N, C-alpha and C. Protein backbone atom coordinates (compact mmCIF):
# COMPACT_ATOMS: atom_id res chain seq x y z
N MET A 1 78.17 86.86 73.71
CA MET A 1 78.86 88.03 73.81
C MET A 1 80.23 88.10 72.97
N LYS A 2 80.48 89.40 72.13
CA LYS A 2 81.41 89.58 71.41
C LYS A 2 82.26 90.53 72.00
N TYR A 3 83.62 90.14 71.89
CA TYR A 3 84.80 91.09 72.57
C TYR A 3 85.92 91.16 71.60
N ASP A 4 86.82 92.17 71.73
CA ASP A 4 87.67 92.20 70.90
C ASP A 4 89.02 91.33 71.42
N VAL A 5 89.05 91.21 72.66
CA VAL A 5 90.35 90.44 73.39
C VAL A 5 89.53 89.53 74.55
N ILE A 6 89.72 88.18 74.72
CA ILE A 6 89.49 87.57 75.88
C ILE A 6 90.58 87.00 76.59
N VAL A 7 90.92 87.19 77.60
CA VAL A 7 92.08 86.74 78.69
C VAL A 7 91.63 85.68 79.56
N ILE A 8 92.43 84.36 79.43
CA ILE A 8 92.08 83.42 80.16
C ILE A 8 93.38 83.27 81.26
N GLY A 9 92.86 83.79 82.39
CA GLY A 9 93.63 83.74 83.70
C GLY A 9 93.72 85.17 84.11
N SER A 10 93.69 85.37 85.27
CA SER A 10 93.64 86.71 85.99
C SER A 10 94.88 87.17 86.72
N GLY A 11 96.09 86.47 86.72
CA GLY A 11 97.16 86.90 87.34
C GLY A 11 97.85 87.91 86.77
N MET A 12 99.20 88.20 87.07
CA MET A 12 99.98 89.14 86.47
C MET A 12 100.11 89.35 85.00
N ALA A 13 100.26 88.34 84.44
CA ALA A 13 100.30 88.30 82.68
C ALA A 13 98.97 88.50 82.19
N GLY A 14 97.84 88.03 82.81
CA GLY A 14 96.63 88.29 82.20
C GLY A 14 96.40 89.78 82.67
N MET A 15 96.39 90.25 83.60
CA MET A 15 96.29 91.64 84.14
C MET A 15 96.85 92.57 83.22
N THR A 16 98.13 92.41 83.14
CA THR A 16 99.05 93.53 82.12
C THR A 16 98.38 93.47 80.74
N ILE A 17 98.05 92.37 80.32
CA ILE A 17 97.47 92.19 78.97
C ILE A 17 96.08 92.84 78.75
N ALA A 18 95.23 92.45 79.83
CA ALA A 18 93.81 92.85 79.71
C ALA A 18 93.69 94.38 80.00
N ASN A 19 94.51 94.86 80.94
CA ASN A 19 94.32 96.37 81.16
C ASN A 19 95.01 97.22 80.07
N LYS A 20 95.99 96.87 79.53
CA LYS A 20 96.42 97.53 78.55
C LYS A 20 95.64 97.56 77.22
N CYS A 21 94.93 96.32 76.87
CA CYS A 21 94.13 96.24 75.67
C CYS A 21 92.89 97.21 76.12
N ALA A 22 92.28 97.01 77.34
CA ALA A 22 91.22 98.04 77.64
C ALA A 22 91.52 99.57 77.67
N LYS A 23 92.68 99.71 78.11
CA LYS A 23 93.13 101.17 77.90
C LYS A 23 93.14 101.64 76.50
N LYS A 24 93.55 100.81 75.48
CA LYS A 24 93.60 101.18 74.17
C LYS A 24 92.18 101.14 73.55
N GLY A 25 91.22 100.91 74.16
CA GLY A 25 89.87 100.99 73.76
C GLY A 25 89.37 99.61 73.18
N LEU A 26 89.75 98.47 73.43
CA LEU A 26 89.46 97.16 73.09
C LEU A 26 88.32 96.77 74.04
N LYS A 27 87.34 96.01 73.64
CA LYS A 27 86.39 95.63 74.50
C LYS A 27 87.13 94.18 74.92
N THR A 28 87.31 94.13 76.34
CA THR A 28 88.19 93.11 76.92
C THR A 28 87.38 92.26 78.08
N ALA A 29 87.58 91.14 78.13
CA ALA A 29 86.93 90.54 79.20
C ALA A 29 88.04 89.20 79.80
N VAL A 30 88.15 89.12 80.93
CA VAL A 30 88.98 88.15 81.64
C VAL A 30 88.21 87.06 82.43
N THR A 31 88.69 85.89 82.54
CA THR A 31 88.04 84.80 83.31
C THR A 31 89.25 84.07 84.06
N ASP A 32 88.77 83.57 85.16
CA ASP A 32 89.53 82.56 86.05
C ASP A 32 88.64 81.55 86.80
N PHE A 33 88.84 80.40 87.06
CA PHE A 33 88.13 79.56 87.79
C PHE A 33 88.61 79.47 89.09
N ARG A 34 89.58 80.25 89.63
CA ARG A 34 90.04 80.31 90.88
C ARG A 34 89.75 81.90 91.15
N PRO A 35 89.98 82.21 92.54
CA PRO A 35 90.00 83.71 93.02
C PRO A 35 90.94 84.55 92.13
N TYR A 36 90.39 85.69 91.91
CA TYR A 36 91.24 86.63 91.22
C TYR A 36 92.50 86.80 91.67
N GLY A 37 93.63 86.97 90.89
CA GLY A 37 94.96 87.39 91.47
C GLY A 37 96.21 86.54 90.86
N GLY A 38 95.95 85.23 90.62
CA GLY A 38 97.02 84.44 90.22
C GLY A 38 98.00 84.03 91.17
N THR A 39 99.01 83.27 90.76
CA THR A 39 100.11 82.67 91.58
C THR A 39 100.74 83.83 92.54
N CYS A 40 101.23 84.93 91.92
CA CYS A 40 102.02 85.88 92.46
C CYS A 40 101.41 86.34 93.63
N ALA A 41 100.13 86.61 93.56
CA ALA A 41 99.38 87.51 94.63
C ALA A 41 98.96 86.56 95.73
N LEU A 42 98.35 85.17 95.24
CA LEU A 42 97.76 84.26 96.11
C LEU A 42 98.49 83.06 96.71
N ARG A 43 99.28 82.58 95.66
CA ARG A 43 100.06 81.29 95.84
C ARG A 43 101.44 81.34 95.70
N GLY A 44 102.05 82.60 95.58
CA GLY A 44 103.47 82.83 95.39
C GLY A 44 104.25 83.89 95.92
N CYS A 45 104.59 84.69 95.43
CA CYS A 45 105.30 85.95 95.70
C CYS A 45 104.90 86.51 96.95
N ASP A 46 103.75 87.25 97.07
CA ASP A 46 103.30 87.87 98.01
C ASP A 46 103.10 87.00 99.40
N PRO A 47 102.47 86.12 99.44
CA PRO A 47 102.50 85.24 100.72
C PRO A 47 103.92 84.69 101.08
N LYS A 48 104.60 84.54 100.13
CA LYS A 48 105.94 83.98 100.49
C LYS A 48 106.64 85.19 101.15
N LYS A 49 106.57 86.31 100.62
CA LYS A 49 107.39 87.34 101.28
C LYS A 49 107.20 87.65 102.65
N ILE A 50 105.78 87.44 103.20
CA ILE A 50 105.27 87.58 104.43
C ILE A 50 106.05 86.56 105.41
N LEU A 51 105.99 85.18 104.82
CA LEU A 51 106.85 84.24 105.76
C LEU A 51 108.43 84.38 105.83
N VAL A 52 108.85 84.88 104.57
CA VAL A 52 110.27 84.94 104.58
C VAL A 52 110.69 86.29 105.43
N GLY A 53 109.86 87.16 105.38
CA GLY A 53 110.12 88.31 106.43
C GLY A 53 110.47 87.91 107.76
N ALA A 54 109.44 87.07 108.22
CA ALA A 54 109.55 86.49 109.53
C ALA A 54 111.07 85.71 109.74
N ALA A 55 111.54 85.19 108.86
CA ALA A 55 112.44 84.41 108.79
C ALA A 55 113.78 85.41 108.89
N GLU A 56 113.73 86.34 108.28
CA GLU A 56 114.68 87.43 108.05
C GLU A 56 114.83 88.04 109.45
N ILE A 57 113.93 88.28 110.16
CA ILE A 57 113.96 88.82 111.58
C ILE A 57 114.56 87.90 112.65
N ILE A 58 114.26 86.66 112.27
CA ILE A 58 114.94 85.61 113.19
C ILE A 58 116.54 85.88 112.93
N ASP A 59 116.64 85.81 111.35
CA ASP A 59 118.17 85.78 111.37
C ASP A 59 118.92 86.96 111.91
N ARG A 60 118.07 88.04 111.71
CA ARG A 60 118.86 89.36 112.11
C ARG A 60 119.13 89.59 113.62
N ALA A 61 118.10 89.00 114.30
CA ALA A 61 118.05 89.00 115.78
C ALA A 61 119.28 88.13 116.23
N ASN A 62 119.37 86.84 115.66
CA ASN A 62 120.36 85.90 116.01
C ASN A 62 121.76 86.56 115.73
N LYS A 63 122.11 87.28 114.69
CA LYS A 63 123.18 87.83 114.39
C LYS A 63 123.64 88.90 115.45
N MET A 64 122.49 89.57 116.21
CA MET A 64 122.72 90.62 116.90
C MET A 64 122.88 90.21 118.40
N LYS A 65 122.84 88.86 118.70
CA LYS A 65 122.99 88.40 120.09
C LYS A 65 124.23 88.63 120.63
N GLY A 66 124.35 89.40 121.85
CA GLY A 66 125.51 89.66 122.57
C GLY A 66 125.96 91.00 122.14
N ILE A 67 125.47 91.58 121.21
CA ILE A 67 125.83 92.98 120.87
C ILE A 67 124.60 94.11 120.63
N GLY A 68 123.78 93.70 121.79
CA GLY A 68 122.48 94.65 121.92
C GLY A 68 121.21 93.78 122.05
N ILE A 69 121.17 92.55 121.52
CA ILE A 69 120.11 91.79 121.61
C ILE A 69 120.19 90.63 122.42
N GLN A 70 119.24 90.43 123.41
CA GLN A 70 119.25 89.32 124.34
C GLN A 70 117.91 88.44 124.32
N GLY A 71 118.16 87.31 124.68
CA GLY A 71 116.78 86.48 124.78
C GLY A 71 116.45 85.84 123.32
N ASP A 72 115.69 84.82 123.45
CA ASP A 72 115.47 84.09 122.27
C ASP A 72 114.07 84.37 121.75
N ILE A 73 113.91 84.45 120.26
CA ILE A 73 112.84 84.68 119.73
C ILE A 73 112.62 83.58 118.64
N SER A 74 111.23 83.10 118.49
CA SER A 74 111.04 82.14 117.48
C SER A 74 109.81 82.26 116.73
N ILE A 75 109.52 81.62 115.49
CA ILE A 75 108.39 81.84 114.80
C ILE A 75 107.20 80.77 115.28
N ASN A 76 106.09 81.61 115.42
CA ASN A 76 104.98 80.73 115.75
C ASN A 76 104.27 80.55 114.44
N TRP A 77 104.26 79.38 113.82
CA TRP A 77 103.84 78.99 112.48
C TRP A 77 102.43 79.53 112.34
N GLN A 78 101.51 78.83 113.36
CA GLN A 78 100.03 79.03 113.20
C GLN A 78 99.76 80.63 113.15
N ASP A 79 100.24 81.27 113.98
CA ASP A 79 100.10 82.89 114.10
C ASP A 79 100.43 83.48 112.68
N LEU A 80 101.78 83.09 112.21
CA LEU A 80 102.19 83.61 110.87
C LEU A 80 101.15 83.36 109.92
N MET A 81 101.00 81.81 109.72
CA MET A 81 99.97 81.59 108.67
C MET A 81 98.71 82.09 108.63
N ALA A 82 98.16 82.40 109.98
CA ALA A 82 96.88 83.18 110.08
C ALA A 82 96.94 84.56 109.37
N TYR A 83 98.08 85.22 109.85
CA TYR A 83 98.34 86.57 109.27
C TYR A 83 98.34 86.54 107.84
N LYS A 84 99.43 85.56 107.27
CA LYS A 84 99.50 85.41 105.71
C LYS A 84 97.97 85.17 105.20
N ASN A 85 97.10 84.18 105.88
CA ASN A 85 95.98 83.94 105.13
C ASN A 85 94.95 85.34 105.29
N GLU A 86 95.08 86.04 106.13
CA GLU A 86 94.14 87.14 106.34
C GLU A 86 94.65 88.17 105.17
N PHE A 87 96.04 88.21 104.95
CA PHE A 87 96.40 89.30 103.92
C PHE A 87 95.97 88.83 102.46
N VAL A 88 96.25 87.52 102.42
CA VAL A 88 95.82 86.88 100.82
C VAL A 88 94.32 86.92 100.72
N SER A 89 93.49 86.80 101.64
CA SER A 89 92.07 86.72 101.44
C SER A 89 91.51 87.99 101.03
N LYS A 90 92.21 89.17 101.27
CA LYS A 90 91.68 90.42 100.67
C LYS A 90 92.10 90.84 99.37
N MET A 91 93.01 90.06 98.78
CA MET A 91 93.66 90.11 97.39
C MET A 91 92.71 90.14 96.28
N PRO A 92 91.78 89.06 96.17
CA PRO A 92 90.87 88.81 94.98
C PRO A 92 89.94 90.06 94.85
N LYS A 93 89.47 90.75 95.90
CA LYS A 93 88.40 91.62 95.76
C LYS A 93 89.23 92.79 95.21
N GLY A 94 90.29 93.17 95.88
CA GLY A 94 91.12 94.14 95.04
C GLY A 94 91.54 94.14 93.76
N VAL A 95 91.94 92.98 93.34
CA VAL A 95 92.21 92.65 92.13
C VAL A 95 91.17 92.87 91.19
N GLU A 96 89.88 92.42 91.46
CA GLU A 96 88.56 92.69 90.66
C GLU A 96 88.34 93.99 90.66
N LYS A 97 88.45 94.82 91.61
CA LYS A 97 88.16 96.13 91.38
C LYS A 97 89.24 96.98 90.44
N GLY A 98 90.32 96.43 90.42
CA GLY A 98 91.18 97.05 89.44
C GLY A 98 90.64 96.83 88.07
N TYR A 99 90.40 95.33 87.90
CA TYR A 99 89.82 95.21 86.47
C TYR A 99 88.52 95.91 86.08
N GLU A 100 87.77 96.24 87.16
CA GLU A 100 86.52 96.96 86.95
C GLU A 100 86.87 98.38 86.70
N LYS A 101 87.80 98.90 87.31
CA LYS A 101 88.28 100.29 87.14
C LYS A 101 88.84 100.49 85.71
N ALA A 102 89.48 99.43 85.14
CA ALA A 102 90.14 99.51 83.72
C ALA A 102 89.13 99.11 82.77
N GLY A 103 87.78 98.76 83.10
CA GLY A 103 86.76 98.61 82.07
C GLY A 103 86.68 97.14 81.67
N VAL A 104 87.28 96.44 82.31
CA VAL A 104 87.47 94.85 81.86
C VAL A 104 86.37 94.00 82.54
N ASP A 105 85.51 93.43 81.50
CA ASP A 105 84.43 92.56 82.02
C ASP A 105 85.11 91.21 82.67
N ARG A 106 84.37 90.88 83.85
CA ARG A 106 84.99 89.89 84.55
C ARG A 106 84.14 88.47 84.65
N TYR A 107 84.61 87.34 84.50
CA TYR A 107 83.90 85.99 84.48
C TYR A 107 84.64 85.24 85.52
N HIS A 108 83.88 84.24 85.91
CA HIS A 108 84.34 83.19 86.89
C HIS A 108 83.98 81.81 86.71
N GLY A 109 85.11 81.18 86.03
CA GLY A 109 84.85 79.77 85.68
C GLY A 109 85.99 79.41 84.75
N ALA A 110 86.16 78.10 84.51
CA ALA A 110 87.03 77.65 83.61
C ALA A 110 86.71 77.84 82.18
N ALA A 111 87.51 78.06 81.29
CA ALA A 111 87.14 78.49 79.85
C ALA A 111 87.45 77.01 79.18
N SER A 112 86.72 76.84 78.09
CA SER A 112 86.86 75.67 77.32
C SER A 112 86.62 76.41 75.74
N PHE A 113 87.39 75.95 74.70
CA PHE A 113 87.39 76.52 73.46
C PHE A 113 86.12 75.76 72.74
N GLU A 114 85.44 76.63 72.09
CA GLU A 114 84.32 76.07 71.19
C GLU A 114 84.68 76.14 69.73
N SER A 115 85.52 76.94 69.49
CA SER A 115 86.13 77.15 68.12
C SER A 115 87.41 78.21 68.35
N GLU A 116 88.12 78.38 67.16
CA GLU A 116 89.32 79.08 67.14
C GLU A 116 89.08 80.52 67.86
N ASN A 117 87.91 81.22 67.77
CA ASN A 117 87.66 82.49 68.26
C ASN A 117 86.49 82.59 69.26
N SER A 118 86.14 81.37 69.91
CA SER A 118 84.87 81.34 70.79
C SER A 118 85.44 80.34 72.15
N VAL A 119 84.95 80.87 73.46
CA VAL A 119 85.34 79.91 74.43
C VAL A 119 83.82 79.95 75.31
N ARG A 120 83.62 78.80 76.17
CA ARG A 120 82.41 78.76 76.86
C ARG A 120 82.87 78.83 78.32
N ILE A 121 82.20 79.65 78.96
CA ILE A 121 82.52 79.78 80.46
C ILE A 121 81.21 79.53 81.22
N GLY A 122 80.95 78.40 81.64
CA GLY A 122 79.70 77.94 82.28
C GLY A 122 78.73 78.12 81.29
N ASP A 123 77.60 78.86 81.30
CA ASP A 123 76.50 78.91 80.31
C ASP A 123 76.74 80.16 79.46
N ASP A 124 77.87 80.87 79.64
CA ASP A 124 78.29 81.98 78.77
C ASP A 124 79.18 81.61 77.60
N LEU A 125 78.69 81.94 76.33
CA LEU A 125 79.53 81.84 75.28
C LEU A 125 80.16 83.02 74.64
N LEU A 126 81.38 83.09 74.76
CA LEU A 126 82.06 84.43 74.36
C LEU A 126 82.87 84.36 73.25
N GLU A 127 82.60 85.47 72.31
CA GLU A 127 83.66 85.23 70.88
C GLU A 127 84.52 86.44 71.04
N ALA A 128 85.72 86.13 70.40
CA ALA A 128 86.65 87.44 70.37
C ALA A 128 87.48 87.18 69.05
N ASP A 129 88.11 88.23 68.51
CA ASP A 129 89.04 88.30 67.56
C ASP A 129 90.39 87.56 68.09
N LYS A 130 90.96 87.83 69.25
CA LYS A 130 92.04 87.52 70.01
C LYS A 130 91.72 86.79 71.26
N ILE A 131 92.02 85.60 71.58
CA ILE A 131 92.05 84.95 72.71
C ILE A 131 93.34 84.59 73.33
N VAL A 132 93.68 85.19 74.55
CA VAL A 132 94.87 85.18 75.24
C VAL A 132 95.03 83.96 76.41
N ILE A 133 95.95 82.99 76.23
CA ILE A 133 95.99 82.06 77.25
C ILE A 133 97.05 82.52 78.35
N ALA A 134 96.54 82.84 79.59
CA ALA A 134 97.57 83.28 80.58
C ALA A 134 97.45 82.54 81.70
N THR A 135 97.45 81.22 81.61
CA THR A 135 96.96 80.45 82.70
C THR A 135 98.21 80.05 83.65
N GLY A 136 99.46 80.30 83.24
CA GLY A 136 100.57 80.13 84.01
C GLY A 136 100.86 78.44 83.86
N ALA A 137 101.43 77.91 84.83
CA ALA A 137 102.00 76.47 84.74
C ALA A 137 101.75 75.66 85.95
N ARG A 138 101.74 74.49 85.85
CA ARG A 138 101.39 73.51 86.94
C ARG A 138 102.73 72.94 87.39
N PRO A 139 102.90 72.64 88.47
CA PRO A 139 104.21 71.72 89.02
C PRO A 139 104.40 70.52 88.32
N VAL A 140 105.38 70.05 88.02
CA VAL A 140 105.90 68.68 87.49
C VAL A 140 105.44 67.53 88.28
N ILE A 141 104.86 66.60 87.73
CA ILE A 141 104.65 65.41 88.65
C ILE A 141 105.97 64.51 88.37
N LEU A 142 106.63 64.16 89.22
CA LEU A 142 107.81 63.31 88.96
C LEU A 142 107.55 62.14 88.54
N GLU A 143 108.22 61.46 87.45
CA GLU A 143 108.22 60.36 86.75
C GLU A 143 108.85 59.30 87.33
N ILE A 144 108.69 59.08 88.68
CA ILE A 144 109.45 58.07 89.67
C ILE A 144 108.51 57.44 90.44
N PRO A 145 108.66 56.13 91.10
CA PRO A 145 107.67 55.57 91.98
C PRO A 145 107.34 56.51 93.15
N GLY A 146 106.17 56.86 93.52
CA GLY A 146 105.82 57.73 94.39
C GLY A 146 106.00 59.27 94.08
N GLY A 147 106.04 59.45 92.78
CA GLY A 147 106.31 61.02 92.05
C GLY A 147 104.99 61.54 92.45
N ASP A 148 103.86 60.97 92.74
CA ASP A 148 102.55 61.77 92.91
C ASP A 148 102.45 62.12 94.55
N LEU A 149 103.28 61.61 95.36
CA LEU A 149 103.08 61.93 96.83
C LEU A 149 103.54 63.25 97.16
N PRO A 150 104.68 63.73 96.76
CA PRO A 150 105.06 65.03 97.49
C PRO A 150 104.09 66.17 97.34
N ILE A 151 104.01 67.13 98.23
CA ILE A 151 103.18 68.37 98.16
C ILE A 151 103.88 69.20 97.03
N ASP A 152 103.37 70.43 96.65
CA ASP A 152 104.01 71.14 95.83
C ASP A 152 104.06 72.65 96.78
N SER A 153 104.53 73.62 95.98
CA SER A 153 104.71 75.08 96.53
C SER A 153 103.41 75.60 97.12
N THR A 154 102.31 75.50 96.57
CA THR A 154 101.05 75.90 97.00
C THR A 154 100.60 75.24 98.25
N ASP A 155 100.94 74.00 98.42
CA ASP A 155 100.65 73.23 99.58
C ASP A 155 101.44 73.72 100.69
N PHE A 156 102.55 73.85 100.37
CA PHE A 156 103.69 74.39 101.46
C PHE A 156 103.17 75.67 101.97
N LEU A 157 102.56 76.52 101.17
CA LEU A 157 102.10 77.94 101.78
C LEU A 157 101.13 77.79 102.43
N ASP A 158 100.32 76.61 102.46
CA ASP A 158 99.08 76.48 103.33
C ASP A 158 99.16 75.48 104.42
N LEU A 159 100.53 75.06 104.88
CA LEU A 159 100.94 74.26 105.76
C LEU A 159 100.23 74.58 107.09
N THR A 160 99.34 74.02 107.83
CA THR A 160 98.69 74.43 109.00
C THR A 160 99.82 74.27 110.14
N ASP A 161 100.55 73.22 110.06
CA ASP A 161 101.70 72.97 110.94
C ASP A 161 102.88 72.72 110.13
N LEU A 162 104.09 72.94 110.63
CA LEU A 162 105.39 72.99 109.89
C LEU A 162 105.90 71.53 110.51
N PRO A 163 106.11 70.55 109.23
CA PRO A 163 106.76 69.34 109.84
C PRO A 163 107.85 69.31 110.64
N GLU A 164 108.18 68.41 111.33
CA GLU A 164 109.53 68.32 112.22
C GLU A 164 110.64 67.93 111.03
N HIS A 165 110.55 67.47 110.04
CA HIS A 165 111.48 67.21 109.12
C HIS A 165 110.81 67.46 107.79
N ILE A 166 111.41 68.15 106.89
CA ILE A 166 111.01 68.60 105.32
C ILE A 166 111.98 68.45 104.56
N ALA A 167 111.62 67.72 103.56
CA ALA A 167 112.75 67.58 102.30
C ALA A 167 112.08 68.12 101.06
N PHE A 168 112.89 68.83 100.36
CA PHE A 168 112.81 69.63 99.02
C PHE A 168 113.46 68.82 97.92
N ILE A 169 112.83 68.40 97.05
CA ILE A 169 113.23 67.87 95.79
C ILE A 169 113.38 68.81 94.65
N GLY A 170 114.70 69.38 94.38
CA GLY A 170 115.05 70.16 93.46
C GLY A 170 115.77 71.33 94.12
N GLY A 171 116.90 71.97 93.55
CA GLY A 171 117.39 73.06 94.11
C GLY A 171 117.25 74.30 93.53
N GLY A 172 116.20 74.64 93.14
CA GLY A 172 115.85 75.99 92.51
C GLY A 172 115.64 77.14 93.61
N TYR A 173 115.33 78.24 93.16
CA TYR A 173 115.32 79.30 94.01
C TYR A 173 114.04 79.47 95.03
N ILE A 174 112.96 78.44 94.51
CA ILE A 174 111.73 78.41 95.41
C ILE A 174 112.20 77.43 96.57
N ALA A 175 112.78 76.40 96.19
CA ALA A 175 113.24 75.44 97.33
C ALA A 175 114.29 76.09 98.17
N MET A 176 115.11 76.84 97.63
CA MET A 176 116.23 77.48 98.60
C MET A 176 115.38 78.48 99.60
N GLU A 177 114.54 79.16 98.97
CA GLU A 177 113.77 80.12 99.85
C GLU A 177 112.97 79.33 101.06
N PHE A 178 112.13 78.43 100.53
CA PHE A 178 111.42 77.75 101.59
C PHE A 178 112.35 76.76 102.44
N ALA A 179 113.36 76.49 102.06
CA ALA A 179 114.24 75.51 102.91
C ALA A 179 114.72 76.44 104.11
N HIS A 180 115.19 77.56 103.78
CA HIS A 180 115.79 78.68 104.56
C HIS A 180 114.69 79.06 105.62
N LEU A 181 113.49 79.13 105.11
CA LEU A 181 112.42 79.65 105.92
C LEU A 181 112.09 78.46 106.91
N ALA A 182 111.77 77.38 106.46
CA ALA A 182 111.60 76.29 107.33
C ALA A 182 112.59 75.99 108.38
N ALA A 183 113.79 76.02 108.03
CA ALA A 183 114.96 75.79 109.07
C ALA A 183 114.89 76.90 110.10
N ARG A 184 114.79 78.20 109.69
CA ARG A 184 114.75 79.07 110.77
C ARG A 184 113.36 79.12 111.67
N ALA A 185 112.42 78.36 110.98
CA ALA A 185 111.13 78.24 111.89
C ALA A 185 111.15 76.82 112.90
N GLY A 186 112.36 76.06 112.44
CA GLY A 186 112.65 75.15 113.36
C GLY A 186 112.51 73.74 112.93
N SER A 187 112.30 73.64 111.68
CA SER A 187 112.29 72.27 110.95
C SER A 187 113.68 71.56 110.73
N LYS A 188 113.98 70.56 110.67
CA LYS A 188 114.86 69.84 110.12
C LYS A 188 114.95 69.74 108.56
N VAL A 189 115.79 70.15 107.78
CA VAL A 189 115.49 70.36 106.45
C VAL A 189 116.67 69.79 105.73
N SER A 190 116.09 69.08 104.48
CA SER A 190 116.91 68.44 103.52
C SER A 190 116.66 69.06 102.00
N ILE A 191 117.71 69.17 101.26
CA ILE A 191 117.28 69.35 99.91
C ILE A 191 118.08 68.41 98.94
N PHE A 192 117.49 67.79 97.90
CA PHE A 192 118.02 66.90 97.19
C PHE A 192 117.88 67.53 95.77
N HIS A 193 118.92 67.66 95.15
CA HIS A 193 119.17 68.28 93.83
C HIS A 193 119.97 67.31 92.73
N ARG A 194 119.49 67.00 91.52
CA ARG A 194 120.19 66.56 90.58
C ARG A 194 121.01 67.44 89.77
N GLY A 195 122.19 67.45 90.31
CA GLY A 195 123.31 68.31 89.45
C GLY A 195 124.33 68.75 90.50
N LYS A 196 125.30 69.35 89.96
CA LYS A 196 126.62 69.63 90.62
C LYS A 196 126.61 70.57 91.65
N ARG A 197 125.48 71.42 91.57
CA ARG A 197 125.34 72.58 92.38
C ARG A 197 123.80 73.11 92.17
N PRO A 198 123.08 73.76 93.32
CA PRO A 198 121.91 74.16 93.11
C PRO A 198 121.76 75.65 92.23
N LEU A 199 120.79 75.84 91.89
CA LEU A 199 120.64 77.52 91.20
C LEU A 199 121.74 77.41 90.17
N GLU A 200 121.65 76.51 89.18
CA GLU A 200 122.70 76.28 88.19
C GLU A 200 122.78 77.38 87.04
N ASN A 201 121.65 78.36 86.91
CA ASN A 201 121.68 79.15 85.97
C ASN A 201 122.11 80.45 86.56
N PHE A 202 122.24 80.56 87.89
CA PHE A 202 122.80 81.79 88.55
C PHE A 202 124.33 81.94 88.63
N ASP A 203 124.80 83.08 89.19
CA ASP A 203 126.32 83.30 89.29
C ASP A 203 126.81 82.26 90.09
N GLU A 204 127.96 81.69 89.73
CA GLU A 204 128.52 80.54 90.41
C GLU A 204 129.15 81.03 91.87
N ASP A 205 129.69 82.12 91.79
CA ASP A 205 130.23 82.67 93.04
C ASP A 205 129.49 83.01 94.08
N ILE A 206 128.26 83.53 93.66
CA ILE A 206 126.99 83.83 94.65
C ILE A 206 126.49 82.54 95.06
N VAL A 207 126.33 81.63 94.24
CA VAL A 207 125.59 80.15 94.73
C VAL A 207 126.49 79.50 95.51
N ASN A 208 127.93 79.62 95.20
CA ASN A 208 128.88 78.98 96.26
C ASN A 208 128.77 79.61 97.59
N HIS A 209 128.54 80.85 97.77
CA HIS A 209 128.29 81.45 99.03
C HIS A 209 126.98 81.21 99.61
N LEU A 210 125.98 81.17 98.79
CA LEU A 210 124.62 80.48 99.34
C LEU A 210 124.76 79.08 99.87
N VAL A 211 125.37 78.28 99.12
CA VAL A 211 125.55 76.88 99.63
C VAL A 211 126.39 76.76 100.96
N GLY A 212 127.31 77.56 101.04
CA GLY A 212 128.13 77.70 102.43
C GLY A 212 126.90 78.10 103.39
N ALA A 213 126.22 79.06 103.22
CA ALA A 213 125.29 79.73 104.31
C ALA A 213 124.13 78.57 104.54
N THR A 214 123.84 78.09 103.54
CA THR A 214 122.73 76.78 103.50
C THR A 214 123.15 75.58 104.65
N ARG A 215 124.43 75.27 104.32
CA ARG A 215 125.18 74.04 105.35
C ARG A 215 125.31 74.79 106.81
N GLU A 216 125.70 76.02 106.85
CA GLU A 216 126.05 76.52 108.00
C GLU A 216 124.66 76.67 108.92
N LEU A 217 123.42 76.83 108.19
CA LEU A 217 122.13 76.85 108.93
C LEU A 217 121.90 75.44 109.23
N GLY A 218 122.49 74.19 108.81
CA GLY A 218 122.20 72.85 109.22
C GLY A 218 121.12 72.24 108.35
N ILE A 219 121.02 72.93 107.08
CA ILE A 219 120.20 72.29 106.08
C ILE A 219 121.33 71.34 105.55
N ASN A 220 120.58 70.04 105.05
CA ASN A 220 121.37 68.79 104.65
C ASN A 220 121.31 69.20 102.94
N LEU A 221 122.25 69.40 102.36
CA LEU A 221 122.16 69.59 100.75
C LEU A 221 122.86 68.30 100.14
N TYR A 222 122.03 67.66 99.37
CA TYR A 222 122.41 66.32 98.68
C TYR A 222 122.48 66.58 97.22
N LEU A 223 123.70 66.56 96.66
CA LEU A 223 123.71 66.97 95.13
C LEU A 223 124.20 65.55 94.42
């Protein structure tokens, strides 16, 4: 099959490219070996917002105690994850419908290059003038003894039970978001960051404020 453009990866980057190319009249195809939607829709931003939303409610309620709110509320992790999973399970079908509406041909499978202008997806050999790799990135495996043992962010978002104690290696924004979520859900949380402060590329004053709030929440922050 001959195309003008083949996009490998069905996430936000691939979607933007494929839809714009199809809109310009280019014969376009997309493939993914996972369910359509990519990290943001299925394993990142969207499911994370559901979980963080619950943590924000806990935080707001605690701040309102004694000034109109009484009683204790808590996160039921199993119920919250079930709701998250139900939400995420609907995404791939919707994403595929969007590709179909845009006139993009859809394939399911890992793509391997046969030549500079051709890829094989299962039994299908596709050719194109342009092939775009939009597959995202994989978490880094730590080059230390036991570096293969920690779970990654995808695993965290699929935890059926929240551990009593959880440690995050690295002080980036994903770790900070997950740490605050886990702490408000009842876990004892630690963050280990190699550096003088977390979120080193962000505004220092804001980060200092966040560090204070993190420690006030009972999160152990080791720098």
